[in-house]
Structures are given as structure tokens and as C-alpha cells.
Amino acid sequence: MKEKLSKRLEEIGISRKGIIDLIAPEADMSVVIYASCMDGLGTKASDFDIYVIGDDIYKKKGILVNNGQGGEMLDLDPLYYGMEDVAYLYLDIQYWEINTLDELANRVKANKNIGFEELKMLYRLLEGEYLHQGKFVLEEKLSFYDLQKNVQRKFAFASDGLLHDCISLYKEKEYFGAIQCGRKALDYAAAGVNASMGKINLKIEKWNSKIFLLQDVPASEKNEFVYLMYGKAEFTETYIERLIVFVQNILNKKLDFLGKKHWLYKENYVLLDESKDVLHRIH
């Protein structure tokens, strides 16, 4: 995993030291970096997720806390790194209190319910790389096995809840709703299978199907999964482009949502003025 991260950082032109210099952690703070490439996933535009952990960290860093968590999104300058085809490149920095993480780790070990976002964060702390070693080390408090079992169980419960809705709608001949709930139930069930095989991924809307289809399951099950999840749609560039443009049209022309610089055919839309955005450069 460390080698994959090093390769991506080097390809862009960002150093670990540059990130640490930007964050400027105190001696007792831990800093962990995670990127999708470490799991063999991600794109050129994927974020770098940075977790800064310490005691009284919100007060020390002057961070505004929202729902028990503080953070900031730093917008890097893709053009500076020679990435002309990338619209946005972010450092997603989250600040966490040690006592909050201790409580979450204990809840996982006790097989209690916690949210998907918290599980995603714990996974990234376990699988990420420490850029700065402070007083907090998650591996001393939580094993991968404990997290794996909690995630597997959570996906199974989520799948069953959606399956209940699917069956209820099906019996009432509400077929559109039944199909949507059924597909989401299948998606969660597949995510549970992935977790049971050691491939935890909480971003199921992005990577779940790819991970499932790479698992050691019978070809007949993979074929059934693809058919039931996606029907007979042709996954060509033309099809996906039609989907993107259709969504953009709804957002811009019906919901008055200003277009962004990552949109296709930007000349057809009213765009958000992003010219004054602050772009960071890390060496």
C-alpha cells in the first residue's frame, strides 16, 4: 500500500514533507494519509484523505466543529501539477479527538452500531500511512478483524431492511420502487460479501461492483449480479455521456444549480464563477 501511495504522490509531484509542513501538527498529534490508490482503486482526480488526531485538537487548531467532527477541504492547483484534464484535486483534512476515536473503537469491538462514515474513517486509519506519529495509534485499540465483522454485519442488516421494502412494494405492484429497493439491497449484500473476504469498502456507489466482480465467487453469481443490478443497459461511452448530460440538464435547467468546471459541454450551461477559488501548491 505504501508503494502505491508513493507512486501516486511522485506522479503528481507532492511530497509527504510538503503535506506535513502544510498541516503543521504538534508533537503529540498523529497524522494519517489515505488514498484510494492504496486499495488499487481511485482515479487521477481522487482526493487525498488526511486525518489529524489529538487531544483538544479543535481548540488547538481553531477548527469549527460540526456534529462532533471538524475539517477543511484544501483545493490544490491541478494545472500547477500538469494535470490539465483534472478539474479538482483536494486534500480532505479531518480533525478527530482521541477520546472520540477511542469510543468508536470500543463500539466496534462490542459489535454495536455506528454510522457508515465513521466505519469508513476507521478503515482508512487502519489501512492508511502515518505521516506523523503522535500519541494515538488505532491498531493498539482496534483490529482489522473486529472492524471487518462489524462492517459485514452492518451491510447485512442494511440489505435486509431494503429487501423488506422491496418485498412490500412488490406485493403492492409498486414495481419501480421495488426494483430500486431490490437493487440497493443487492448492492449492500454484495458489499457484505466483499467485507467478508477482507475487501472493506464503504464507498459502495463507486467501487462495490468492481470489487465484487473481482472476488472468488462463481461466474454464474457474477453474471446474475450484473444482470440484476444493471439490466440490459449498454455501458458504452455514448450511454454514459447521455446519462451525464441528462443529469446536468435537470440540475442546471430545472433546479437552478450552477454548472461546475468538471461538467461536460460547459458552454451549454450557466456556470458557477470559480475564478476566485484559492488553489494550494504543495512541493
Protein backbone atom coordinates (compact mmCIF):
# COMPACT_ATOMS: atom_id res chain seq x y z
CA MET A 1 0.00 0.00 0.00
CA LYS A 2 2.82 2.40 0.88
CA GLU A 3 4.41 1.82 -2.52
CA LYS A 4 1.15 2.62 -4.34
CA LEU A 5 0.79 5.85 -2.38
CA SER A 6 4.40 6.79 -3.07
CA LYS A 7 3.90 6.23 -6.79
CA ARG A 8 0.85 8.49 -6.94
CA LEU A 9 2.46 11.25 -4.88
CA GLU A 10 5.55 11.14 -7.08
CA GLU A 11 3.49 11.18 -10.29
CA ILE A 12 1.72 14.34 -9.16
CA GLY A 13 4.74 15.98 -7.56
CA ILE A 14 3.63 16.13 -3.92
CA SER A 15 5.86 15.09 -1.03
CA ARG A 16 4.91 13.75 2.37
CA LYS A 17 7.00 16.53 3.92
CA GLY A 18 5.04 19.13 1.97
CA ILE A 19 1.79 17.82 3.42
CA ILE A 20 3.18 17.80 6.97
CA ASP A 21 4.58 21.31 6.56
CA LEU A 22 1.14 22.49 5.46
CA ILE A 23 -0.69 20.86 8.37
CA ALA A 24 1.99 21.70 10.96
CA PRO A 25 0.91 19.17 13.62
CA GLU A 26 2.07 19.48 17.21
CA ALA A 27 4.40 16.80 18.56
CA ASP A 28 1.65 14.72 20.20
CA MET A 29 -0.69 14.77 17.18
CA SER A 30 -0.95 11.83 14.78
CA VAL A 31 -1.39 12.44 11.05
CA VAL A 32 -2.61 9.64 8.77
CA ILE A 33 -2.94 9.79 4.99
CA TYR A 34 -5.18 7.52 2.93
CA ALA A 35 -5.82 7.45 -0.82
CA SER A 36 -7.96 5.07 -2.89
CA CYS A 37 -4.89 4.02 -4.86
CA MET A 38 -3.71 2.18 -1.74
CA ASP A 39 -6.54 -0.31 -2.38
CA GLY A 40 -5.92 -0.42 -6.11
CA LEU A 41 -8.84 1.93 -6.75
CA GLY A 42 -9.31 5.62 -7.49
CA THR A 43 -8.86 7.98 -10.42
CA LYS A 44 -6.44 10.79 -11.29
CA ALA A 45 -8.82 13.19 -9.51
CA SER A 46 -9.25 11.16 -6.31
CA ASP A 47 -8.81 13.06 -3.04
CA PHE A 48 -6.06 12.54 -0.52
CA ASP A 49 -7.74 11.99 2.85
CA ILE A 50 -5.77 13.34 5.80
CA TYR A 51 -6.70 12.56 9.41
CA VAL A 52 -5.21 14.71 12.18
CA ILE A 53 -5.74 13.23 15.65
CA GLY A 54 -5.02 14.61 19.10
CA ASP A 55 -6.35 15.83 22.45
CA ASP A 56 -8.26 19.14 22.40
CA ILE A 57 -7.45 19.30 18.72
CA TYR A 58 -10.35 21.53 17.71
CA LYS A 59 -9.28 24.19 20.18
CA LYS A 60 -5.59 23.88 19.29
CA LYS A 61 -6.20 24.11 15.54
CA GLY A 62 -9.06 26.61 15.77
CA ILE A 63 -11.40 24.28 13.89
CA LEU A 64 -15.17 24.81 13.73
CA VAL A 65 -16.82 21.58 14.85
CA ASN A 66 -19.90 20.21 13.08
CA ASN A 67 -21.65 17.14 14.53
CA GLY A 68 -18.59 16.20 16.58
CA GLN A 69 -16.19 16.42 13.66
CA GLY A 70 -14.10 19.25 12.25
CA GLY A 71 -12.42 19.52 8.89
CA GLU A 72 -11.40 21.54 5.88
CA MET A 73 -11.10 20.87 2.17
CA LEU A 74 -7.95 22.29 0.59
CA ASP A 75 -8.20 22.84 -3.15
CA LEU A 76 -4.89 22.03 -4.87
CA ASP A 77 -3.98 23.55 -8.23
CA PRO A 78 -4.14 20.76 -10.87
CA LEU A 79 -2.55 22.96 -13.57
CA TYR A 80 0.48 23.53 -11.34
CA TYR A 81 0.99 19.75 -11.28
CA GLY A 82 0.49 19.39 -15.04
CA MET A 83 -2.95 17.77 -14.68
CA GLU A 84 -4.82 19.69 -17.37
CA ASP A 85 -7.60 17.10 -17.61
CA VAL A 86 -8.40 17.20 -13.86
CA ALA A 87 -10.89 19.83 -12.67
CA TYR A 88 -10.40 19.43 -8.91
CA LEU A 89 -7.72 17.92 -6.71
CA TYR A 90 -8.32 18.03 -2.96
CA LEU A 91 -6.68 17.41 0.35
CA ASP A 92 -9.64 16.42 2.54
CA ILE A 93 -8.42 17.12 6.07
CA GLN A 94 -10.40 15.85 9.06
CA TYR A 95 -9.62 16.55 12.71
CA TRP A 96 -10.55 13.99 15.36
CA GLU A 97 -10.34 13.91 19.13
CA ILE A 98 -8.62 10.86 20.62
CA ASN A 99 -11.43 10.22 23.08
CA THR A 100 -13.98 10.17 20.23
CA LEU A 101 -11.94 7.58 18.32
CA ASP A 102 -11.48 5.51 21.49
CA GLU A 103 -15.27 5.45 21.94
CA LEU A 104 -15.85 4.45 18.31
CA ALA A 105 -13.25 1.66 18.52
CA ASN A 106 -14.91 0.30 21.67
CA ARG A 107 -18.32 0.35 19.98
CA VAL A 108 -16.96 -1.62 17.03
CA LYS A 109 -15.35 -4.23 19.31
CA ALA A 110 -18.65 -4.55 21.18
CA ASN A 111 -20.38 -5.07 17.81
CA LYS A 112 -22.55 -2.01 18.36
CA ASN A 113 -23.97 0.07 15.56
CA ILE A 114 -22.06 3.10 14.26
CA GLY A 115 -22.52 5.04 11.04
CA PHE A 116 -21.05 4.20 7.64
CA GLU A 117 -18.97 7.40 7.64
CA GLU A 118 -17.36 6.51 10.96
CA LEU A 119 -16.65 2.96 9.76
CA LYS A 120 -15.08 4.35 6.59
CA MET A 121 -12.86 6.62 8.66
CA LEU A 122 -11.76 3.78 10.97
CA TYR A 123 -10.90 1.60 7.97
CA ARG A 124 -8.77 4.36 6.48
CA LEU A 125 -6.97 4.87 9.77
CA LEU A 126 -6.17 1.15 9.93
CA GLU A 127 -5.05 0.90 6.32
CA GLY A 128 -3.53 4.36 5.87
CA GLU A 129 0.02 5.56 6.46
CA TYR A 130 1.18 7.58 9.47
CA LEU A 131 2.89 10.72 8.19
CA HIS A 132 3.45 11.90 11.75
CA GLN A 133 3.40 9.62 14.78
CA GLY A 134 1.84 11.16 17.87
CA LYS A 135 0.25 9.51 20.89
CA PHE A 136 -2.62 7.85 19.00
CA VAL A 137 -2.29 4.54 17.11
CA LEU A 138 -5.60 2.90 16.17
CA GLU A 139 -4.04 -0.56 15.74
CA GLU A 140 -3.42 -0.60 19.50
CA LYS A 141 -7.17 -0.25 20.11
CA LEU A 142 -8.94 -1.99 17.20
CA SER A 143 -8.11 -4.98 14.99
CA PHE A 144 -8.94 -5.28 11.30
CA TYR A 145 -10.92 -8.45 12.14
CA ASP A 146 -13.19 -6.60 14.58
CA LEU A 147 -13.87 -3.88 12.02
CA GLN A 148 -14.45 -6.45 9.27
CA LYS A 149 -17.10 -8.29 11.27
CA ASN A 150 -18.89 -5.07 12.23
CA VAL A 151 -18.96 -3.85 8.61
CA GLN A 152 -20.15 -7.23 7.33
CA ARG A 153 -22.98 -7.26 9.86
CA LYS A 154 -23.98 -3.65 9.10
CA PHE A 155 -24.21 -4.31 5.37
CA ALA A 156 -26.29 -7.42 6.00
CA PHE A 157 -28.78 -5.50 8.18
CA ALA A 158 -28.96 -2.65 5.65
CA SER A 159 -29.59 -5.12 2.83
CA ASP A 160 -32.33 -6.89 4.75
CA GLY A 161 -34.09 -3.60 5.54
CA LEU A 162 -34.17 -2.67 1.87
CA LEU A 163 -35.23 -6.21 0.98
CA HIS A 164 -38.23 -5.81 3.30
CA ASP A 165 -39.20 -2.63 1.45
CA CYS A 166 -38.67 -4.34 -1.90
CA ILE A 167 -40.96 -7.24 -0.98
CA SER A 168 -43.66 -4.94 0.44
CA LEU A 169 -43.64 -2.79 -2.71
CA TYR A 170 -43.60 -5.85 -4.95
CA LYS A 171 -46.71 -7.25 -3.26
CA GLU A 172 -48.48 -3.92 -3.83
CA LYS A 173 -47.40 -3.94 -7.51
CA GLU A 174 -45.27 -0.81 -6.98
CA TYR A 175 -42.65 -2.14 -9.32
CA PHE A 176 -40.43 0.93 -9.80
CA GLY A 177 -39.93 1.28 -6.06
CA ALA A 178 -39.49 -2.47 -5.69
CA ILE A 179 -36.72 -2.51 -8.30
CA GLN A 180 -34.90 0.44 -6.73
CA CYS A 181 -35.04 -1.08 -3.24
CA GLY A 182 -34.12 -4.51 -4.59
CA ARG A 183 -31.06 -3.21 -6.40
CA LYS A 184 -29.90 -1.29 -3.35
CA ALA A 185 -30.43 -4.42 -1.23
CA LEU A 186 -28.30 -6.39 -3.69
CA ASP A 187 -25.62 -3.69 -3.62
CA TYR A 188 -25.41 -3.82 0.18
CA ALA A 189 -25.41 -7.63 0.18
CA ALA A 190 -22.50 -7.67 -2.30
CA ALA A 191 -20.66 -5.14 -0.10
CA GLY A 192 -21.12 -7.55 2.80
CA VAL A 193 -19.58 -10.35 0.73
CA ASN A 194 -16.66 -8.08 -0.13
CA ALA A 195 -16.12 -7.31 3.57
CA SER A 196 -16.30 -11.00 4.49
CA MET A 197 -13.42 -11.59 2.05
CA GLY A 198 -11.32 -8.82 3.58
CA LYS A 199 -12.17 -6.18 0.97
CA ILE A 200 -13.83 -3.50 3.07
CA ASN A 201 -15.10 -0.57 1.03
CA LEU A 202 -17.63 1.93 2.32
CA LYS A 203 -17.84 3.90 -0.95
CA ILE A 204 -20.16 1.34 -2.49
CA GLU A 205 -21.61 3.78 -5.01
CA LYS A 206 -18.17 3.99 -6.62
CA TRP A 207 -16.35 0.71 -6.24
CA ASN A 208 -18.65 -2.00 -4.90
CA SER A 209 -19.46 -3.69 -8.21
CA LYS A 210 -15.83 -3.71 -9.36
CA ILE A 211 -14.65 -5.23 -6.09
CA PHE A 212 -17.40 -7.87 -6.05
CA LEU A 213 -16.68 -8.95 -9.62
CA LEU A 214 -13.01 -9.43 -8.72
CA GLN A 215 -13.85 -11.73 -5.78
CA ASP A 216 -13.58 -15.52 -5.84
CA VAL A 217 -17.28 -16.19 -6.39
CA PRO A 218 -18.83 -18.42 -9.12
CA ALA A 219 -19.12 -16.87 -12.58
CA SER A 220 -22.85 -17.60 -12.56
CA GLU A 221 -23.28 -15.40 -9.48
CA LYS A 222 -21.26 -12.59 -11.07
CA ASN A 223 -23.40 -12.76 -14.21
CA GLU A 224 -26.60 -12.71 -12.16
CA PHE A 225 -25.33 -9.75 -10.15
CA VAL A 226 -24.57 -7.71 -13.28
CA TYR A 227 -27.93 -8.53 -14.88
CA LEU A 228 -30.00 -7.73 -11.78
CA MET A 229 -28.06 -4.58 -10.91
CA TYR A 230 -27.80 -3.10 -14.38
CA GLY A 231 -30.28 -4.84 -16.63
CA LYS A 232 -29.56 -4.73 -20.35
CA ALA A 233 -28.04 -1.23 -20.47
CA GLU A 234 -25.13 -0.84 -22.86
CA PHE A 235 -22.21 0.51 -20.88
CA THR A 236 -20.64 2.45 -23.72
CA GLU A 237 -19.20 5.95 -23.67
CA THR A 238 -22.28 7.15 -25.56
CA TYR A 239 -24.65 5.72 -22.95
CA ILE A 240 -22.72 7.19 -20.01
CA GLU A 241 -22.43 10.56 -21.74
CA ARG A 242 -26.21 10.63 -22.28
CA LEU A 243 -26.67 9.89 -18.58
CA ILE A 244 -24.30 12.69 -17.54
CA VAL A 245 -25.90 15.28 -19.84
CA PHE A 246 -29.40 14.29 -18.72
CA VAL A 247 -28.46 14.85 -15.06
CA GLN A 248 -26.71 18.15 -15.88
CA ASN A 249 -29.81 19.37 -17.73
CA ILE A 250 -32.02 18.62 -14.73
CA LEU A 251 -29.64 20.31 -12.28
CA ASN A 252 -28.98 23.43 -14.35
CA LYS A 253 -32.28 23.99 -16.16
CA LYS A 254 -34.85 22.67 -13.71
CA LEU A 255 -33.19 23.03 -10.29
CA ASP A 256 -31.26 26.28 -10.97
CA PHE A 257 -28.00 24.63 -9.89
CA LEU A 258 -24.98 26.40 -11.39
CA GLY A 259 -22.70 24.27 -13.55
CA LYS A 260 -19.20 23.31 -12.37
CA LYS A 261 -15.91 23.10 -14.20
CA HIS A 262 -15.95 19.29 -14.22
CA TRP A 263 -19.19 19.21 -16.28
CA LEU A 264 -19.33 18.11 -19.90
CA TYR A 265 -20.24 20.64 -22.61
CA LYS A 266 -19.93 23.56 -20.19
CA GLU A 267 -20.76 26.06 -22.94
CA ASN A 268 -24.40 24.91 -22.80
CA TYR A 269 -24.91 25.86 -19.16
CA VAL A 270 -24.91 28.77 -16.71
CA LEU A 271 -21.75 28.18 -14.70
CA LEU A 272 -20.60 28.95 -11.18
CA ASP A 273 -17.81 31.55 -11.06
CA GLU A 274 -14.87 29.62 -9.59
CA SER A 275 -12.18 32.05 -10.73
CA LYS A 276 -11.53 33.35 -7.21
CA ASP A 277 -11.10 29.94 -5.56
CA VAL A 278 -7.91 29.66 -3.51
CA LEU A 279 -5.66 26.96 -5.00
CA HIS A 280 -2.82 25.48 -2.93
CA ARG A 281 0.54 24.26 -4.17
CA ILE A 282 2.49 21.65 -2.20
CA HIS A 283 6.00 20.56 -3.15
